Every structure is written in C-alpha cells, then in structure tokens.
Amino acid sequence: MVTRQRPRSTRLLVVALVSASLAVITLDYRQGESGPLAGVGTAAKTFMAPLQQAVTTVTEPVGDFFSGLAHLPSLADENERLKEEVAELSSTIQQEGFDQAQFETLRDLQELSLTLAPPVVSAAAVTGNGFSNFEYTVTINKGTVDGIEVNQPVATGSPESPMLVGLVVDVTAISADVRLIIDRDSAVAATVENTREAGLVEGQGASDLRMGFISPGTLIEGDEPVFTQGYELDGQAGLYPPGMLIGQVSRFVPAENETQEYIEVRPAVDFETLQFVLVLQAGSDA
C-alpha cells in the first residue's frame, strides 16, 4: 500500500507546484514592475550587465576593424577627390592673383600714359626676349603700323614712379625690338637724386649698371635713386626724357680703388618679368 501511495503523492506535489507557479506568474504579469518576480529580474540584469559590457568591449573593436576594411575603397576615393579639389582651388587662387597683378600693372600704365612727356605713341606687350651674353633686348607686339619708330624711348611703371626700360632699335610692321638699359651698348645720361651728381649710366649685362664720370671726392650713399637727365644738344633733345627712374645706387667705388670714381646702380625694372611697356615719342622735351 505504501508503495502505491508514493507516485500519487509525487503527482500531487507537482500539480501543486505548477499551480503555485502559474498563480505567481499571473500575479506578477498583472502587477507589472511591482510584481513578486520584478526583484528577481532586476537582480538577474544586475548580474549580467558586467558580462555584457565585457563582451561588447572585446567584440566592438573587431567589428569596427572589419567595418573600416569594408569602407577603405570609398575613403581612398574621397581622399583623392579632396586632393583634386584642393589643387583646383590653389590653381584658381594663383590665377586670380596673377590676373589681379596684370590688372594693376595695366591700370598703372594707363594712368602713367596720361602724365608722361613726351606723349605716348602706343602701349605694347612684351612677346619675347633676346637675353644672351652679347645683347639684352625684348620684342614687343607693336610696329610701324602703330607709329613705332627707331630711337623711341620705352618706359613702364606708374605715375608715382615712371621707370626707363630702353630704346627701340629695330622695327617691322607689326613688332619692334627694344634695347634694354642693361645692354652693354646702352648709355644713358643720368643724375643721382640727393647729390645731383651727373654721369653716364652704362649697361653691364647681368651685373648692375655702372655710372661713371663721378666728380672726385663725391660721397654717394647706398640706395640713392638715379634718374635720367634731360639735355639738349644743338637744339636737339636727348634720346630719353628727364626724371625717369633708372635704379638705386648699390655700391660706391672710390677713386683710390679705380682710375676714377664710379657707382653701381641696381635697375628698378625686373626685365625678366617685364610684360607691358609704353613707347614714347622721340626727340621731345619734357
């Protein structure tokens, strides 16, 4: 009899436990966060949180690494595109700076043309140069059809600082050659601004100009401006108008070092970057 009662007692116990569990679950569901199982759930979450964070810490960099690998081609394309944009912007800025410099040069020449005497025959652009050990010339894009003639002086600069470039020495219908003041065959009567010392400025090629016939004992400071000196011989005006800047004194050589005193003059015009000039009427006084 005892043996037969044990299974029945076990079944009753299981039924009682299941019933109790269903009752507790039902009650917990109805009461929500205040139910009897809420505390157990909270405790379980508290226990699992550190484990979840540890797993995330380990797996997240790995995920990011593979995600980065997947995006490498697009990142390389984007980087290349940005490089091209930067290069394009840089080129645009440089071109704008170049255009602005040209505009300012042409504006200065236009204003200068209204103030010069002798009057301007024509404005011209430099289209080539003949720099060598034997001659220093530039070619301009104006010729006889524009009124250009041999022995016309050529200038550049601004109304505040007109500068001498050289002299027309050869001309065709549509172009002309200008001998620069740095050419070894160039000679310009000049005067030093502060001392009013007069002399002859001669070209020395790539070296600074040389101004000779300085009076003995004359003391000339460095950086003093040197200008063209107007003169008239037998009623004929000199080739160059007076008052045009030639350059600045770069060195003074006293007589004890040479047979005569002379100065070296640094040209005011940068002939290698010269772009535009004014051709003036020849043989007129200022």
C-alpha atoms as a PDB file:
ATOM      1  CA  MET A   1       0.000   0.000   0.000  1.00  0.00           C
ATOM      2  CA  VAL A   2       2.836   2.347   0.911  1.00  0.00           C
ATOM      3  CA  THR A   3       4.499   1.737  -2.434  1.00  0.00           C
ATOM      4  CA  ARG A   4       1.353   2.671  -4.367  1.00  0.00           C
ATOM      5  CA  GLN A   5       0.861   5.964  -2.483  1.00  0.00           C
ATOM      6  CA  ARG A   6       4.268   7.466  -3.364  1.00  0.00           C
ATOM      7  CA  PRO A   7       3.579   8.140  -7.083  1.00  0.00           C
ATOM      8  CA  ARG A   8       0.266   9.659  -6.202  1.00  0.00           C
ATOM      9  CA  SER A   9       1.864  11.871  -3.576  1.00  0.00           C
ATOM     10  CA  THR A  10       4.521  12.956  -6.136  1.00  0.00           C
ATOM     11  CA  ARG A  11       1.913  13.827  -8.741  1.00  0.00           C
ATOM     12  CA  LEU A  12       0.013  15.861  -6.243  1.00  0.00           C
ATOM     13  CA  LEU A  13       3.176  17.728  -5.308  1.00  0.00           C
ATOM     14  CA  VAL A  14       3.971  18.513  -8.967  1.00  0.00           C
ATOM     15  CA  VAL A  15       0.426  19.690  -9.600  1.00  0.00           C
ATOM     16  CA  ALA A  16       0.606  21.910  -6.533  1.00  0.00           C
ATOM     17  CA  LEU A  17       3.941  23.436  -7.598  1.00  0.00           C
ATOM     18  CA  VAL A  18       2.770  24.091 -11.160  1.00  0.00           C
ATOM     19  CA  SER A  19      -0.414  25.684  -9.883  1.00  0.00           C
ATOM     20  CA  ALA A  20       1.551  27.869  -7.494  1.00  0.00           C
ATOM     21  CA  SER A  21       3.932  28.896 -10.288  1.00  0.00           C
ATOM     22  CA  LEU A  22       1.104  29.835 -12.622  1.00  0.00           C
ATOM     23  CA  ALA A  23      -0.504  31.835  -9.863  1.00  0.00           C
ATOM     24  CA  VAL A  24       2.741  33.727  -9.174  1.00  0.00           C
ATOM     25  CA  ILE A  25       3.370  34.415 -12.894  1.00  0.00           C
ATOM     26  CA  THR A  26      -0.187  35.584 -13.395  1.00  0.00           C
ATOM     27  CA  LEU A  27       0.046  37.832 -10.382  1.00  0.00           C
ATOM     28  CA  ASP A  28       3.441  39.201 -11.497  1.00  0.00           C
ATOM     29  CA  TYR A  29       2.132  39.942 -15.006  1.00  0.00           C
ATOM     30  CA  ARG A  30      -0.875  41.802 -13.634  1.00  0.00           C
ATOM     31  CA  GLN A  31       1.173  43.859 -11.149  1.00  0.00           C
ATOM     32  CA  GLY A  32       3.937  44.763 -13.675  1.00  0.00           C
ATOM     33  CA  GLU A  33       7.137  46.234 -12.153  1.00  0.00           C
ATOM     34  CA  SER A  34       5.721  45.804  -8.634  1.00  0.00           C
ATOM     35  CA  GLY A  35       5.126  42.069  -9.082  1.00  0.00           C
ATOM     36  CA  PRO A  36       6.892  39.428  -6.947  1.00  0.00           C
ATOM     37  CA  LEU A  37       9.287  38.451  -9.800  1.00  0.00           C
ATOM     38  CA  ALA A  38      10.373  42.015 -10.560  1.00  0.00           C
ATOM     39  CA  GLY A  39      13.120  41.920  -7.963  1.00  0.00           C
ATOM     40  CA  VAL A  40      14.441  38.634  -9.350  1.00  0.00           C
ATOM     41  CA  GLY A  41      14.539  40.107 -12.882  1.00  0.00           C
ATOM     42  CA  THR A  42      16.370  43.177 -11.635  1.00  0.00           C
ATOM     43  CA  ALA A  43      18.919  41.049  -9.833  1.00  0.00           C
ATOM     44  CA  ALA A  44      19.477  38.992 -12.972  1.00  0.00           C
ATOM     45  CA  LYS A  45      20.018  42.126 -15.065  1.00  0.00           C
ATOM     46  CA  THR A  46      22.467  43.459 -12.481  1.00  0.00           C
ATOM     47  CA  PHE A  47      24.409  40.226 -12.601  1.00  0.00           C
ATOM     48  CA  MET A  48      24.503  40.060 -16.409  1.00  0.00           C
ATOM     49  CA  ALA A  49      25.395  43.735 -17.104  1.00  0.00           C
ATOM     50  CA  PRO A  50      29.182  43.454 -16.430  1.00  0.00           C
ATOM     51  CA  LEU A  51      29.378  40.294 -18.533  1.00  0.00           C
ATOM     52  CA  GLN A  52      27.563  42.008 -21.413  1.00  0.00           C
ATOM     53  CA  GLN A  53      29.879  45.081 -21.219  1.00  0.00           C
ATOM     54  CA  ALA A  54      32.955  42.842 -21.279  1.00  0.00           C
ATOM     55  CA  VAL A  55      31.725  41.026 -24.375  1.00  0.00           C
ATOM     56  CA  THR A  56      30.924  44.347 -26.078  1.00  0.00           C
ATOM     57  CA  THR A  57      34.390  45.752 -25.244  1.00  0.00           C
ATOM     58  CA  VAL A  58      36.079  42.766 -26.848  1.00  0.00           C
ATOM     59  CA  THR A  59      33.908  42.440 -29.942  1.00  0.00           C
ATOM     60  CA  GLU A  60      33.313  46.123 -30.799  1.00  0.00           C
ATOM     61  CA  PRO A  61      36.910  46.930 -31.980  1.00  0.00           C
ATOM     62  CA  VAL A  62      36.865  43.799 -34.107  1.00  0.00           C
ATOM     63  CA  GLY A  63      33.594  44.895 -35.667  1.00  0.00           C
ATOM     64  CA  ASP A  64      34.911  48.400 -36.253  1.00  0.00           C
ATOM     65  CA  PHE A  65      38.068  46.989 -37.865  1.00  0.00           C
ATOM     66  CA  PHE A  66      36.142  44.888 -40.390  1.00  0.00           C
ATOM     67  CA  SER A  67      33.745  47.767 -40.983  1.00  0.00           C
ATOM     68  CA  GLY A  68      36.740  50.044 -41.677  1.00  0.00           C
ATOM     69  CA  LEU A  69      38.165  47.492 -44.114  1.00  0.00           C
ATOM     70  CA  ALA A  70      34.870  47.458 -45.962  1.00  0.00           C
ATOM     71  CA  HIS A  71      34.958  51.275 -46.331  1.00  0.00           C
ATOM     72  CA  LEU A  72      38.641  51.622 -47.337  1.00  0.00           C
ATOM     73  CA  PRO A  73      37.990  51.906 -51.100  1.00  0.00           C
ATOM     74  CA  SER A  74      35.418  54.656 -50.637  1.00  0.00           C
ATOM     75  CA  LEU A  75      37.702  56.501 -48.199  1.00  0.00           C
ATOM     76  CA  ALA A  76      40.561  56.376 -50.711  1.00  0.00           C
ATOM     77  CA  ASP A  77      38.286  57.773 -53.430  1.00  0.00           C
ATOM     78  CA  GLU A  78      37.119  60.540 -51.112  1.00  0.00           C
ATOM     79  CA  ASN A  79      40.689  61.423 -50.179  1.00  0.00           C
ATOM     80  CA  GLU A  80      41.664  61.599 -53.864  1.00  0.00           C
ATOM     81  CA  ARG A  81      38.656  63.790 -54.619  1.00  0.00           C
ATOM     82  CA  LEU A  82      39.566  66.174 -51.805  1.00  0.00           C
ATOM     83  CA  LYS A  83      43.152  66.392 -53.085  1.00  0.00           C
ATOM     84  CA  GLU A  84      41.875  67.324 -56.550  1.00  0.00           C
ATOM     85  CA  GLU A  85      39.582  69.993 -55.077  1.00  0.00           C
ATOM     86  CA  VAL A  86      42.454  71.500 -53.072  1.00  0.00           C
ATOM     87  CA  ALA A  87      44.696  71.560 -56.166  1.00  0.00           C
ATOM     88  CA  GLU A  88      41.928  73.184 -58.206  1.00  0.00           C
ATOM     89  CA  LEU A  89      41.288  75.829 -55.551  1.00  0.00           C
ATOM     90  CA  SER A  90      45.007  76.549 -55.262  1.00  0.00           C
ATOM     91  CA  SER A  91      45.257  76.976 -59.043  1.00  0.00           C
ATOM     92  CA  THR A  92      42.239  79.279 -59.029  1.00  0.00           C
ATOM     93  CA  ILE A  93      43.711  81.424 -56.267  1.00  0.00           C
ATOM     94  CA  GLN A  94      47.037  81.662 -58.104  1.00  0.00           C
ATOM     95  CA  GLN A  95      45.306  82.579 -61.369  1.00  0.00           C
ATOM     96  CA  GLU A  96      43.227  85.224 -59.597  1.00  0.00           C
ATOM     97  CA  GLY A  97      46.417  86.647 -58.070  1.00  0.00           C
ATOM     98  CA  PHE A  98      48.089  86.688 -61.498  1.00  0.00           C
ATOM     99  CA  ASP A  99      45.070  88.366 -63.105  1.00  0.00           C
ATOM    100  CA  GLN A 100      44.958  90.944 -60.311  1.00  0.00           C
ATOM    101  CA  ALA A 101      48.666  91.731 -60.755  1.00  0.00           C
ATOM    102  CA  GLN A 102      48.185  92.171 -64.521  1.00  0.00           C
ATOM    103  CA  PHE A 103      45.180  94.413 -63.957  1.00  0.00           C
ATOM    104  CA  GLU A 104      47.138  96.617 -61.546  1.00  0.00           C
ATOM    105  CA  THR A 105      50.082  96.840 -63.981  1.00  0.00           C
ATOM    106  CA  LEU A 106      47.847  97.856 -66.870  1.00  0.00           C
ATOM    107  CA  ARG A 107      45.981 100.343 -64.693  1.00  0.00           C
ATOM    108  CA  ASP A 108      49.274 101.944 -63.618  1.00  0.00           C
ATOM    109  CA  LEU A 109      50.443 102.149 -67.246  1.00  0.00           C
ATOM    110  CA  GLN A 110      47.189 103.748 -68.313  1.00  0.00           C
ATOM    111  CA  GLU A 111      47.488 106.374 -65.598  1.00  0.00           C
ATOM    112  CA  LEU A 112      51.178 106.865 -66.410  1.00  0.00           C
ATOM    113  CA  SER A 113      50.391 107.428 -70.100  1.00  0.00           C
ATOM    114  CA  LEU A 114      48.298 110.468 -69.142  1.00  0.00           C
ATOM    115  CA  THR A 115      51.157 112.127 -67.285  1.00  0.00           C
ATOM    116  CA  LEU A 116      54.214 111.491 -69.455  1.00  0.00           C
ATOM    117  CA  ALA A 117      56.003 113.990 -71.636  1.00  0.00           C
ATOM    118  CA  PRO A 118      56.878 113.237 -74.371  1.00  0.00           C
ATOM    119  CA  PRO A 119      53.482 111.755 -75.185  1.00  0.00           C
ATOM    120  CA  VAL A 120      52.858 108.043 -75.541  1.00  0.00           C
ATOM    121  CA  VAL A 121      52.821 106.614 -79.054  1.00  0.00           C
ATOM    122  CA  SER A 122      51.490 103.206 -78.092  1.00  0.00           C
ATOM    123  CA  ALA A 123      51.185 100.700 -75.284  1.00  0.00           C
ATOM    124  CA  ALA A 124      52.665  97.290 -76.085  1.00  0.00           C
ATOM    125  CA  ALA A 125      53.063  93.791 -74.690  1.00  0.00           C
ATOM    126  CA  VAL A 126      56.414  92.036 -74.429  1.00  0.00           C
ATOM    127  CA  THR A 127      56.280  88.926 -76.608  1.00  0.00           C
ATOM    128  CA  GLY A 128      59.869  87.703 -76.363  1.00  0.00           C
ATOM    129  CA  ASN A 129      63.366  88.449 -75.135  1.00  0.00           C
ATOM    130  CA  GLY A 130      66.855  88.093 -76.527  1.00  0.00           C
ATOM    131  CA  PHE A 131      68.856  87.803 -73.303  1.00  0.00           C
ATOM    132  CA  SER A 132      72.354  86.483 -74.021  1.00  0.00           C
ATOM    133  CA  ASN A 133      75.996  87.231 -73.307  1.00  0.00           C
ATOM    134  CA  PHE A 134      76.030  89.647 -76.250  1.00  0.00           C
ATOM    135  CA  GLU A 135      72.748  91.526 -76.109  1.00  0.00           C
ATOM    136  CA  TYR A 136      69.797  92.241 -73.845  1.00  0.00           C
ATOM    137  CA  THR A 137      66.668  93.043 -75.826  1.00  0.00           C
ATOM    138  CA  VAL A 138      62.942  92.377 -75.762  1.00  0.00           C
ATOM    139  CA  THR A 139      60.434  92.177 -78.603  1.00  0.00           C
ATOM    140  CA  ILE A 140      57.102  93.993 -78.383  1.00  0.00           C
ATOM    141  CA  ASN A 141      53.900  93.379 -80.363  1.00  0.00           C
ATOM    142  CA  LYS A 142      53.647  96.842 -81.958  1.00  0.00           C
ATOM    143  CA  GLY A 143      55.375  98.131 -85.119  1.00  0.00           C
ATOM    144  CA  THR A 144      55.282 100.791 -87.793  1.00  0.00           C
ATOM    145  CA  VAL A 145      51.542 100.382 -88.323  1.00  0.00           C
ATOM    146  CA  ASP A 146      51.135 101.567 -84.727  1.00  0.00           C
ATOM    147  CA  GLY A 147      53.520 104.514 -85.135  1.00  0.00           C
ATOM    148  CA  ILE A 148      56.585 102.820 -83.649  1.00  0.00           C
ATOM    149  CA  GLU A 149      59.938 104.119 -84.899  1.00  0.00           C
ATOM    150  CA  VAL A 150      63.624 103.574 -84.160  1.00  0.00           C
ATOM    151  CA  ASN A 151      65.078 105.655 -81.269  1.00  0.00           C
ATOM    152  CA  GLN A 152      61.799 105.977 -79.396  1.00  0.00           C
ATOM    153  CA  PRO A 153      62.247 105.602 -75.616  1.00  0.00           C
ATOM    154  CA  VAL A 154      60.355 102.848 -73.799  1.00  0.00           C
ATOM    155  CA  ALA A 155      59.041 103.127 -70.242  1.00  0.00           C
ATOM    156  CA  THR A 156      56.980 101.310 -67.629  1.00  0.00           C
ATOM    157  CA  GLY A 157      55.845 101.872 -64.030  1.00  0.00           C
ATOM    158  CA  SER A 158      53.228 104.149 -62.517  1.00  0.00           C
ATOM    159  CA  PRO A 159      52.544 107.910 -62.331  1.00  0.00           C
ATOM    160  CA  GLU A 160      54.388 107.989 -59.000  1.00  0.00           C
ATOM    161  CA  SER A 161      57.383 106.078 -60.371  1.00  0.00           C
ATOM    162  CA  PRO A 162      57.923 106.085 -64.151  1.00  0.00           C
ATOM    163  CA  MET A 163      60.844 103.796 -64.993  1.00  0.00           C
ATOM    164  CA  LEU A 164      63.096 103.661 -68.039  1.00  0.00           C
ATOM    165  CA  VAL A 165      63.149 100.377 -69.947  1.00  0.00           C
ATOM    166  CA  GLY A 166      65.240 101.144 -73.013  1.00  0.00           C
ATOM    167  CA  LEU A 167      65.163 102.291 -76.633  1.00  0.00           C
ATOM    168  CA  VAL A 168      63.574 100.992 -79.853  1.00  0.00           C
ATOM    169  CA  VAL A 169      66.432  99.808 -82.116  1.00  0.00           C
ATOM    170  CA  ASP A 170      64.649  97.804 -84.803  1.00  0.00           C
ATOM    171  CA  VAL A 171      61.092  97.789 -86.109  1.00  0.00           C
ATOM    172  CA  THR A 172      58.848  95.857 -88.502  1.00  0.00           C
ATOM    173  CA  ALA A 173      55.255  96.448 -89.483  1.00  0.00           C
ATOM    174  CA  ILE A 174      53.888  94.524 -86.507  1.00  0.00           C
ATOM    175  CA  SER A 175      56.740  94.267 -83.994  1.00  0.00           C
ATOM    176  CA  ALA A 176      59.797  96.051 -82.649  1.00  0.00           C
ATOM    177  CA  ASP A 177      62.990  95.252 -80.753  1.00  0.00           C
ATOM    178  CA  VAL A 178      63.834  97.270 -77.657  1.00  0.00           C
ATOM    179  CA  ARG A 179      67.421  97.502 -76.409  1.00  0.00           C
ATOM    180  CA  LEU A 180      67.275  97.432 -72.613  1.00  0.00           C
ATOM    181  CA  ILE A 181      69.303  99.781 -70.446  1.00  0.00           C
ATOM    182  CA  ILE A 182      71.247  96.769 -69.122  1.00  0.00           C
ATOM    183  CA  ASP A 183      72.576  96.003 -72.620  1.00  0.00           C
ATOM    184  CA  ARG A 184      76.318  96.674 -72.985  1.00  0.00           C
ATOM    185  CA  ASP A 185      75.640  99.084 -75.874  1.00  0.00           C
ATOM    186  CA  SER A 186      73.245 101.182 -73.781  1.00  0.00           C
ATOM    187  CA  ALA A 187      74.331 104.520 -72.313  1.00  0.00           C
ATOM    188  CA  VAL A 188      72.013 106.965 -70.525  1.00  0.00           C
ATOM    189  CA  ALA A 189      72.816 110.421 -69.156  1.00  0.00           C
ATOM    190  CA  ALA A 190      71.751 110.325 -65.502  1.00  0.00           C
ATOM    191  CA  THR A 191      71.828 112.143 -62.192  1.00  0.00           C
ATOM    192  CA  VAL A 192      71.862 110.990 -58.566  1.00  0.00           C
ATOM    193  CA  GLU A 193      68.879 112.460 -56.725  1.00  0.00           C
ATOM    194  CA  ASN A 194      70.411 113.692 -53.451  1.00  0.00           C
ATOM    195  CA  THR A 195      73.837 114.882 -54.597  1.00  0.00           C
ATOM    196  CA  ARG A 196      72.684 115.945 -58.079  1.00  0.00           C
ATOM    197  CA  GLU A 197      75.875 114.319 -59.337  1.00  0.00           C
ATOM    198  CA  ALA A 198      75.672 113.700 -63.092  1.00  0.00           C
ATOM    199  CA  GLY A 199      77.242 110.914 -65.070  1.00  0.00           C
ATOM    200  CA  LEU A 200      76.718 108.272 -67.741  1.00  0.00           C
ATOM    201  CA  VAL A 201      74.937 105.016 -66.853  1.00  0.00           C
ATOM    202  CA  GLU A 202      76.126 102.094 -68.970  1.00  0.00           C
ATOM    203  CA  GLY A 203      74.768  98.571 -69.212  1.00  0.00           C
ATOM    204  CA  GLN A 204      76.756  95.662 -67.792  1.00  0.00           C
ATOM    205  CA  GLY A 205      74.550  92.757 -68.834  1.00  0.00           C
ATOM    206  CA  ALA A 206      73.501  90.613 -65.898  1.00  0.00           C
ATOM    207  CA  SER A 207      75.542  92.763 -63.488  1.00  0.00           C
ATOM    208  CA  ASP A 208      74.400  96.076 -62.038  1.00  0.00           C
ATOM    209  CA  LEU A 209      74.637  99.166 -64.214  1.00  0.00           C
ATOM    210  CA  ARG A 210      77.755 101.317 -63.980  1.00  0.00           C
ATOM    211  CA  MET A 211      77.622 105.110 -63.671  1.00  0.00           C
ATOM    212  CA  GLY A 212      80.911 106.794 -64.444  1.00  0.00           C
ATOM    213  CA  PHE A 213      82.293 110.358 -64.685  1.00  0.00           C
ATOM    214  CA  ILE A 214      81.635 110.946 -60.980  1.00  0.00           C
ATOM    215  CA  SER A 215      83.404 114.033 -59.609  1.00  0.00           C
ATOM    216  CA  PRO A 216      86.419 113.211 -57.375  1.00  0.00           C
ATOM    217  CA  GLY A 217      85.645 113.326 -53.667  1.00  0.00           C
ATOM    218  CA  THR A 218      81.917 112.867 -54.130  1.00  0.00           C
ATOM    219  CA  LEU A 219      80.301 110.822 -51.374  1.00  0.00           C
ATOM    220  CA  ILE A 220      77.212 108.922 -52.519  1.00  0.00           C
ATOM    221  CA  GLU A 221      75.144 106.835 -50.135  1.00  0.00           C
ATOM    222  CA  GLY A 222      73.678 103.453 -50.993  1.00  0.00           C
ATOM    223  CA  ASP A 223      70.072 103.133 -52.251  1.00  0.00           C
ATOM    224  CA  GLU A 224      70.008 106.707 -53.565  1.00  0.00           C
ATOM    225  CA  PRO A 225      67.712 106.916 -56.618  1.00  0.00           C
ATOM    226  CA  VAL A 226      69.253 107.555 -60.031  1.00  0.00           C
ATOM    227  CA  PHE A 227      67.152 109.291 -62.705  1.00  0.00           C
ATOM    228  CA  THR A 228      67.520 110.132 -66.385  1.00  0.00           C
ATOM    229  CA  GLN A 229      68.934 113.587 -67.018  1.00  0.00           C
ATOM    230  CA  GLY A 230      67.334 115.602 -69.778  1.00  0.00           C
ATOM    231  CA  TYR A 231      69.636 117.557 -72.048  1.00  0.00           C
ATOM    232  CA  GLU A 232      69.638 119.331 -75.387  1.00  0.00           C
ATOM    233  CA  LEU A 233      72.494 119.351 -77.899  1.00  0.00           C
ATOM    234  CA  ASP A 234      72.454 121.725 -80.864  1.00  0.00           C
ATOM    235  CA  GLY A 235      68.740 122.241 -80.358  1.00  0.00           C
ATOM    236  CA  GLN A 236      68.055 118.528 -80.358  1.00  0.00           C
ATOM    237  CA  ALA A 237      66.674 116.901 -77.200  1.00  0.00           C
ATOM    238  CA  GLY A 238      68.347 113.796 -75.838  1.00  0.00           C
ATOM    239  CA  LEU A 239      67.006 110.343 -76.502  1.00  0.00           C
ATOM    240  CA  TYR A 240      65.500 109.941 -73.047  1.00  0.00           C
ATOM    241  CA  PRO A 241      63.099 112.261 -71.199  1.00  0.00           C
ATOM    242  CA  PRO A 242      64.302 113.548 -67.805  1.00  0.00           C
ATOM    243  CA  GLY A 243      63.100 112.347 -64.432  1.00  0.00           C
ATOM    244  CA  MET A 244      62.603 108.666 -65.236  1.00  0.00           C
ATOM    245  CA  LEU A 245      63.863 106.246 -62.600  1.00  0.00           C
ATOM    246  CA  ILE A 246      66.802 104.107 -63.698  1.00  0.00           C
ATOM    247  CA  GLY A 247      67.544 102.402 -60.396  1.00  0.00           C
ATOM    248  CA  GLN A 248      69.152 102.743 -56.965  1.00  0.00           C
ATOM    249  CA  VAL A 249      72.804 103.013 -56.004  1.00  0.00           C
ATOM    250  CA  SER A 250      74.048  99.578 -54.932  1.00  0.00           C
ATOM    251  CA  ARG A 251      77.770 100.344 -54.476  1.00  0.00           C
ATOM    252  CA  PHE A 252      80.139 103.289 -54.489  1.00  0.00           C
ATOM    253  CA  VAL A 253      83.714 102.695 -55.692  1.00  0.00           C
ATOM    254  CA  PRO A 254      86.130 105.498 -54.638  1.00  0.00           C
ATOM    255  CA  ALA A 255      88.994 106.707 -56.856  1.00  0.00           C
ATOM    256  CA  GLU A 256      91.750 105.081 -54.772  1.00  0.00           C
ATOM    257  CA  ASN A 257      90.483 101.673 -55.889  1.00  0.00           C
ATOM    258  CA  GLU A 258      89.986 102.615 -59.545  1.00  0.00           C
ATOM    259  CA  THR A 259      91.302 105.149 -62.038  1.00  0.00           C
ATOM    260  CA  GLN A 260      88.126 107.155 -61.468  1.00  0.00           C
ATOM    261  CA  GLU A 261      85.222 107.040 -59.053  1.00  0.00           C
ATOM    262  CA  TYR A 262      82.052 105.324 -60.152  1.00  0.00           C
ATOM    263  CA  ILE A 263      78.902 103.853 -58.713  1.00  0.00           C
ATOM    264  CA  GLU A 264      76.965 100.694 -59.450  1.00  0.00           C
ATOM    265  CA  VAL A 265      73.225 101.039 -59.972  1.00  0.00           C
ATOM    266  CA  ARG A 266      70.673  98.300 -59.384  1.00  0.00           C
ATOM    267  CA  PRO A 267      67.983  98.540 -62.127  1.00  0.00           C
ATOM    268  CA  ALA A 268      64.493  99.480 -60.993  1.00  0.00           C
ATOM    269  CA  VAL A 269      62.824  97.280 -63.627  1.00  0.00           C
ATOM    270  CA  ASP A 270      62.753  93.491 -63.323  1.00  0.00           C
ATOM    271  CA  PHE A 271      63.407  92.787 -67.004  1.00  0.00           C
ATOM    272  CA  GLU A 272      62.862  89.038 -66.714  1.00  0.00           C
ATOM    273  CA  THR A 273      59.223  89.528 -65.671  1.00  0.00           C
ATOM    274  CA  LEU A 274      58.510  92.608 -67.809  1.00  0.00           C
ATOM    275  CA  GLN A 275      55.144  92.217 -69.579  1.00  0.00           C
ATOM    276  CA  PHE A 276      53.831  95.619 -70.695  1.00  0.00           C
ATOM    277  CA  VAL A 277      55.502  98.873 -71.751  1.00  0.00           C
ATOM    278  CA  LEU A 278      54.775 102.311 -73.137  1.00  0.00           C
ATOM    279  CA  VAL A 279      56.575 103.551 -76.254  1.00  0.00           C
ATOM    280  CA  LEU A 280      57.107 107.331 -76.159  1.00  0.00           C
ATOM    281  CA  GLN A 281      57.544 109.894 -78.882  1.00  0.00           C
ATOM    282  CA  ALA A 282      61.192 110.550 -79.677  1.00  0.00           C
ATOM    283  CA  GLY A 283      63.082 113.827 -79.550  1.00  0.00           C
ATOM    284  CA  SER A 284      60.655 115.842 -77.381  1.00  0.00           C
ATOM    285  CA  ASP A 285      61.478 117.778 -74.243  1.00  0.00           C
ATOM    286  CA  ALA A 286      59.524 117.239 -71.058  1.00  0.00           C
END
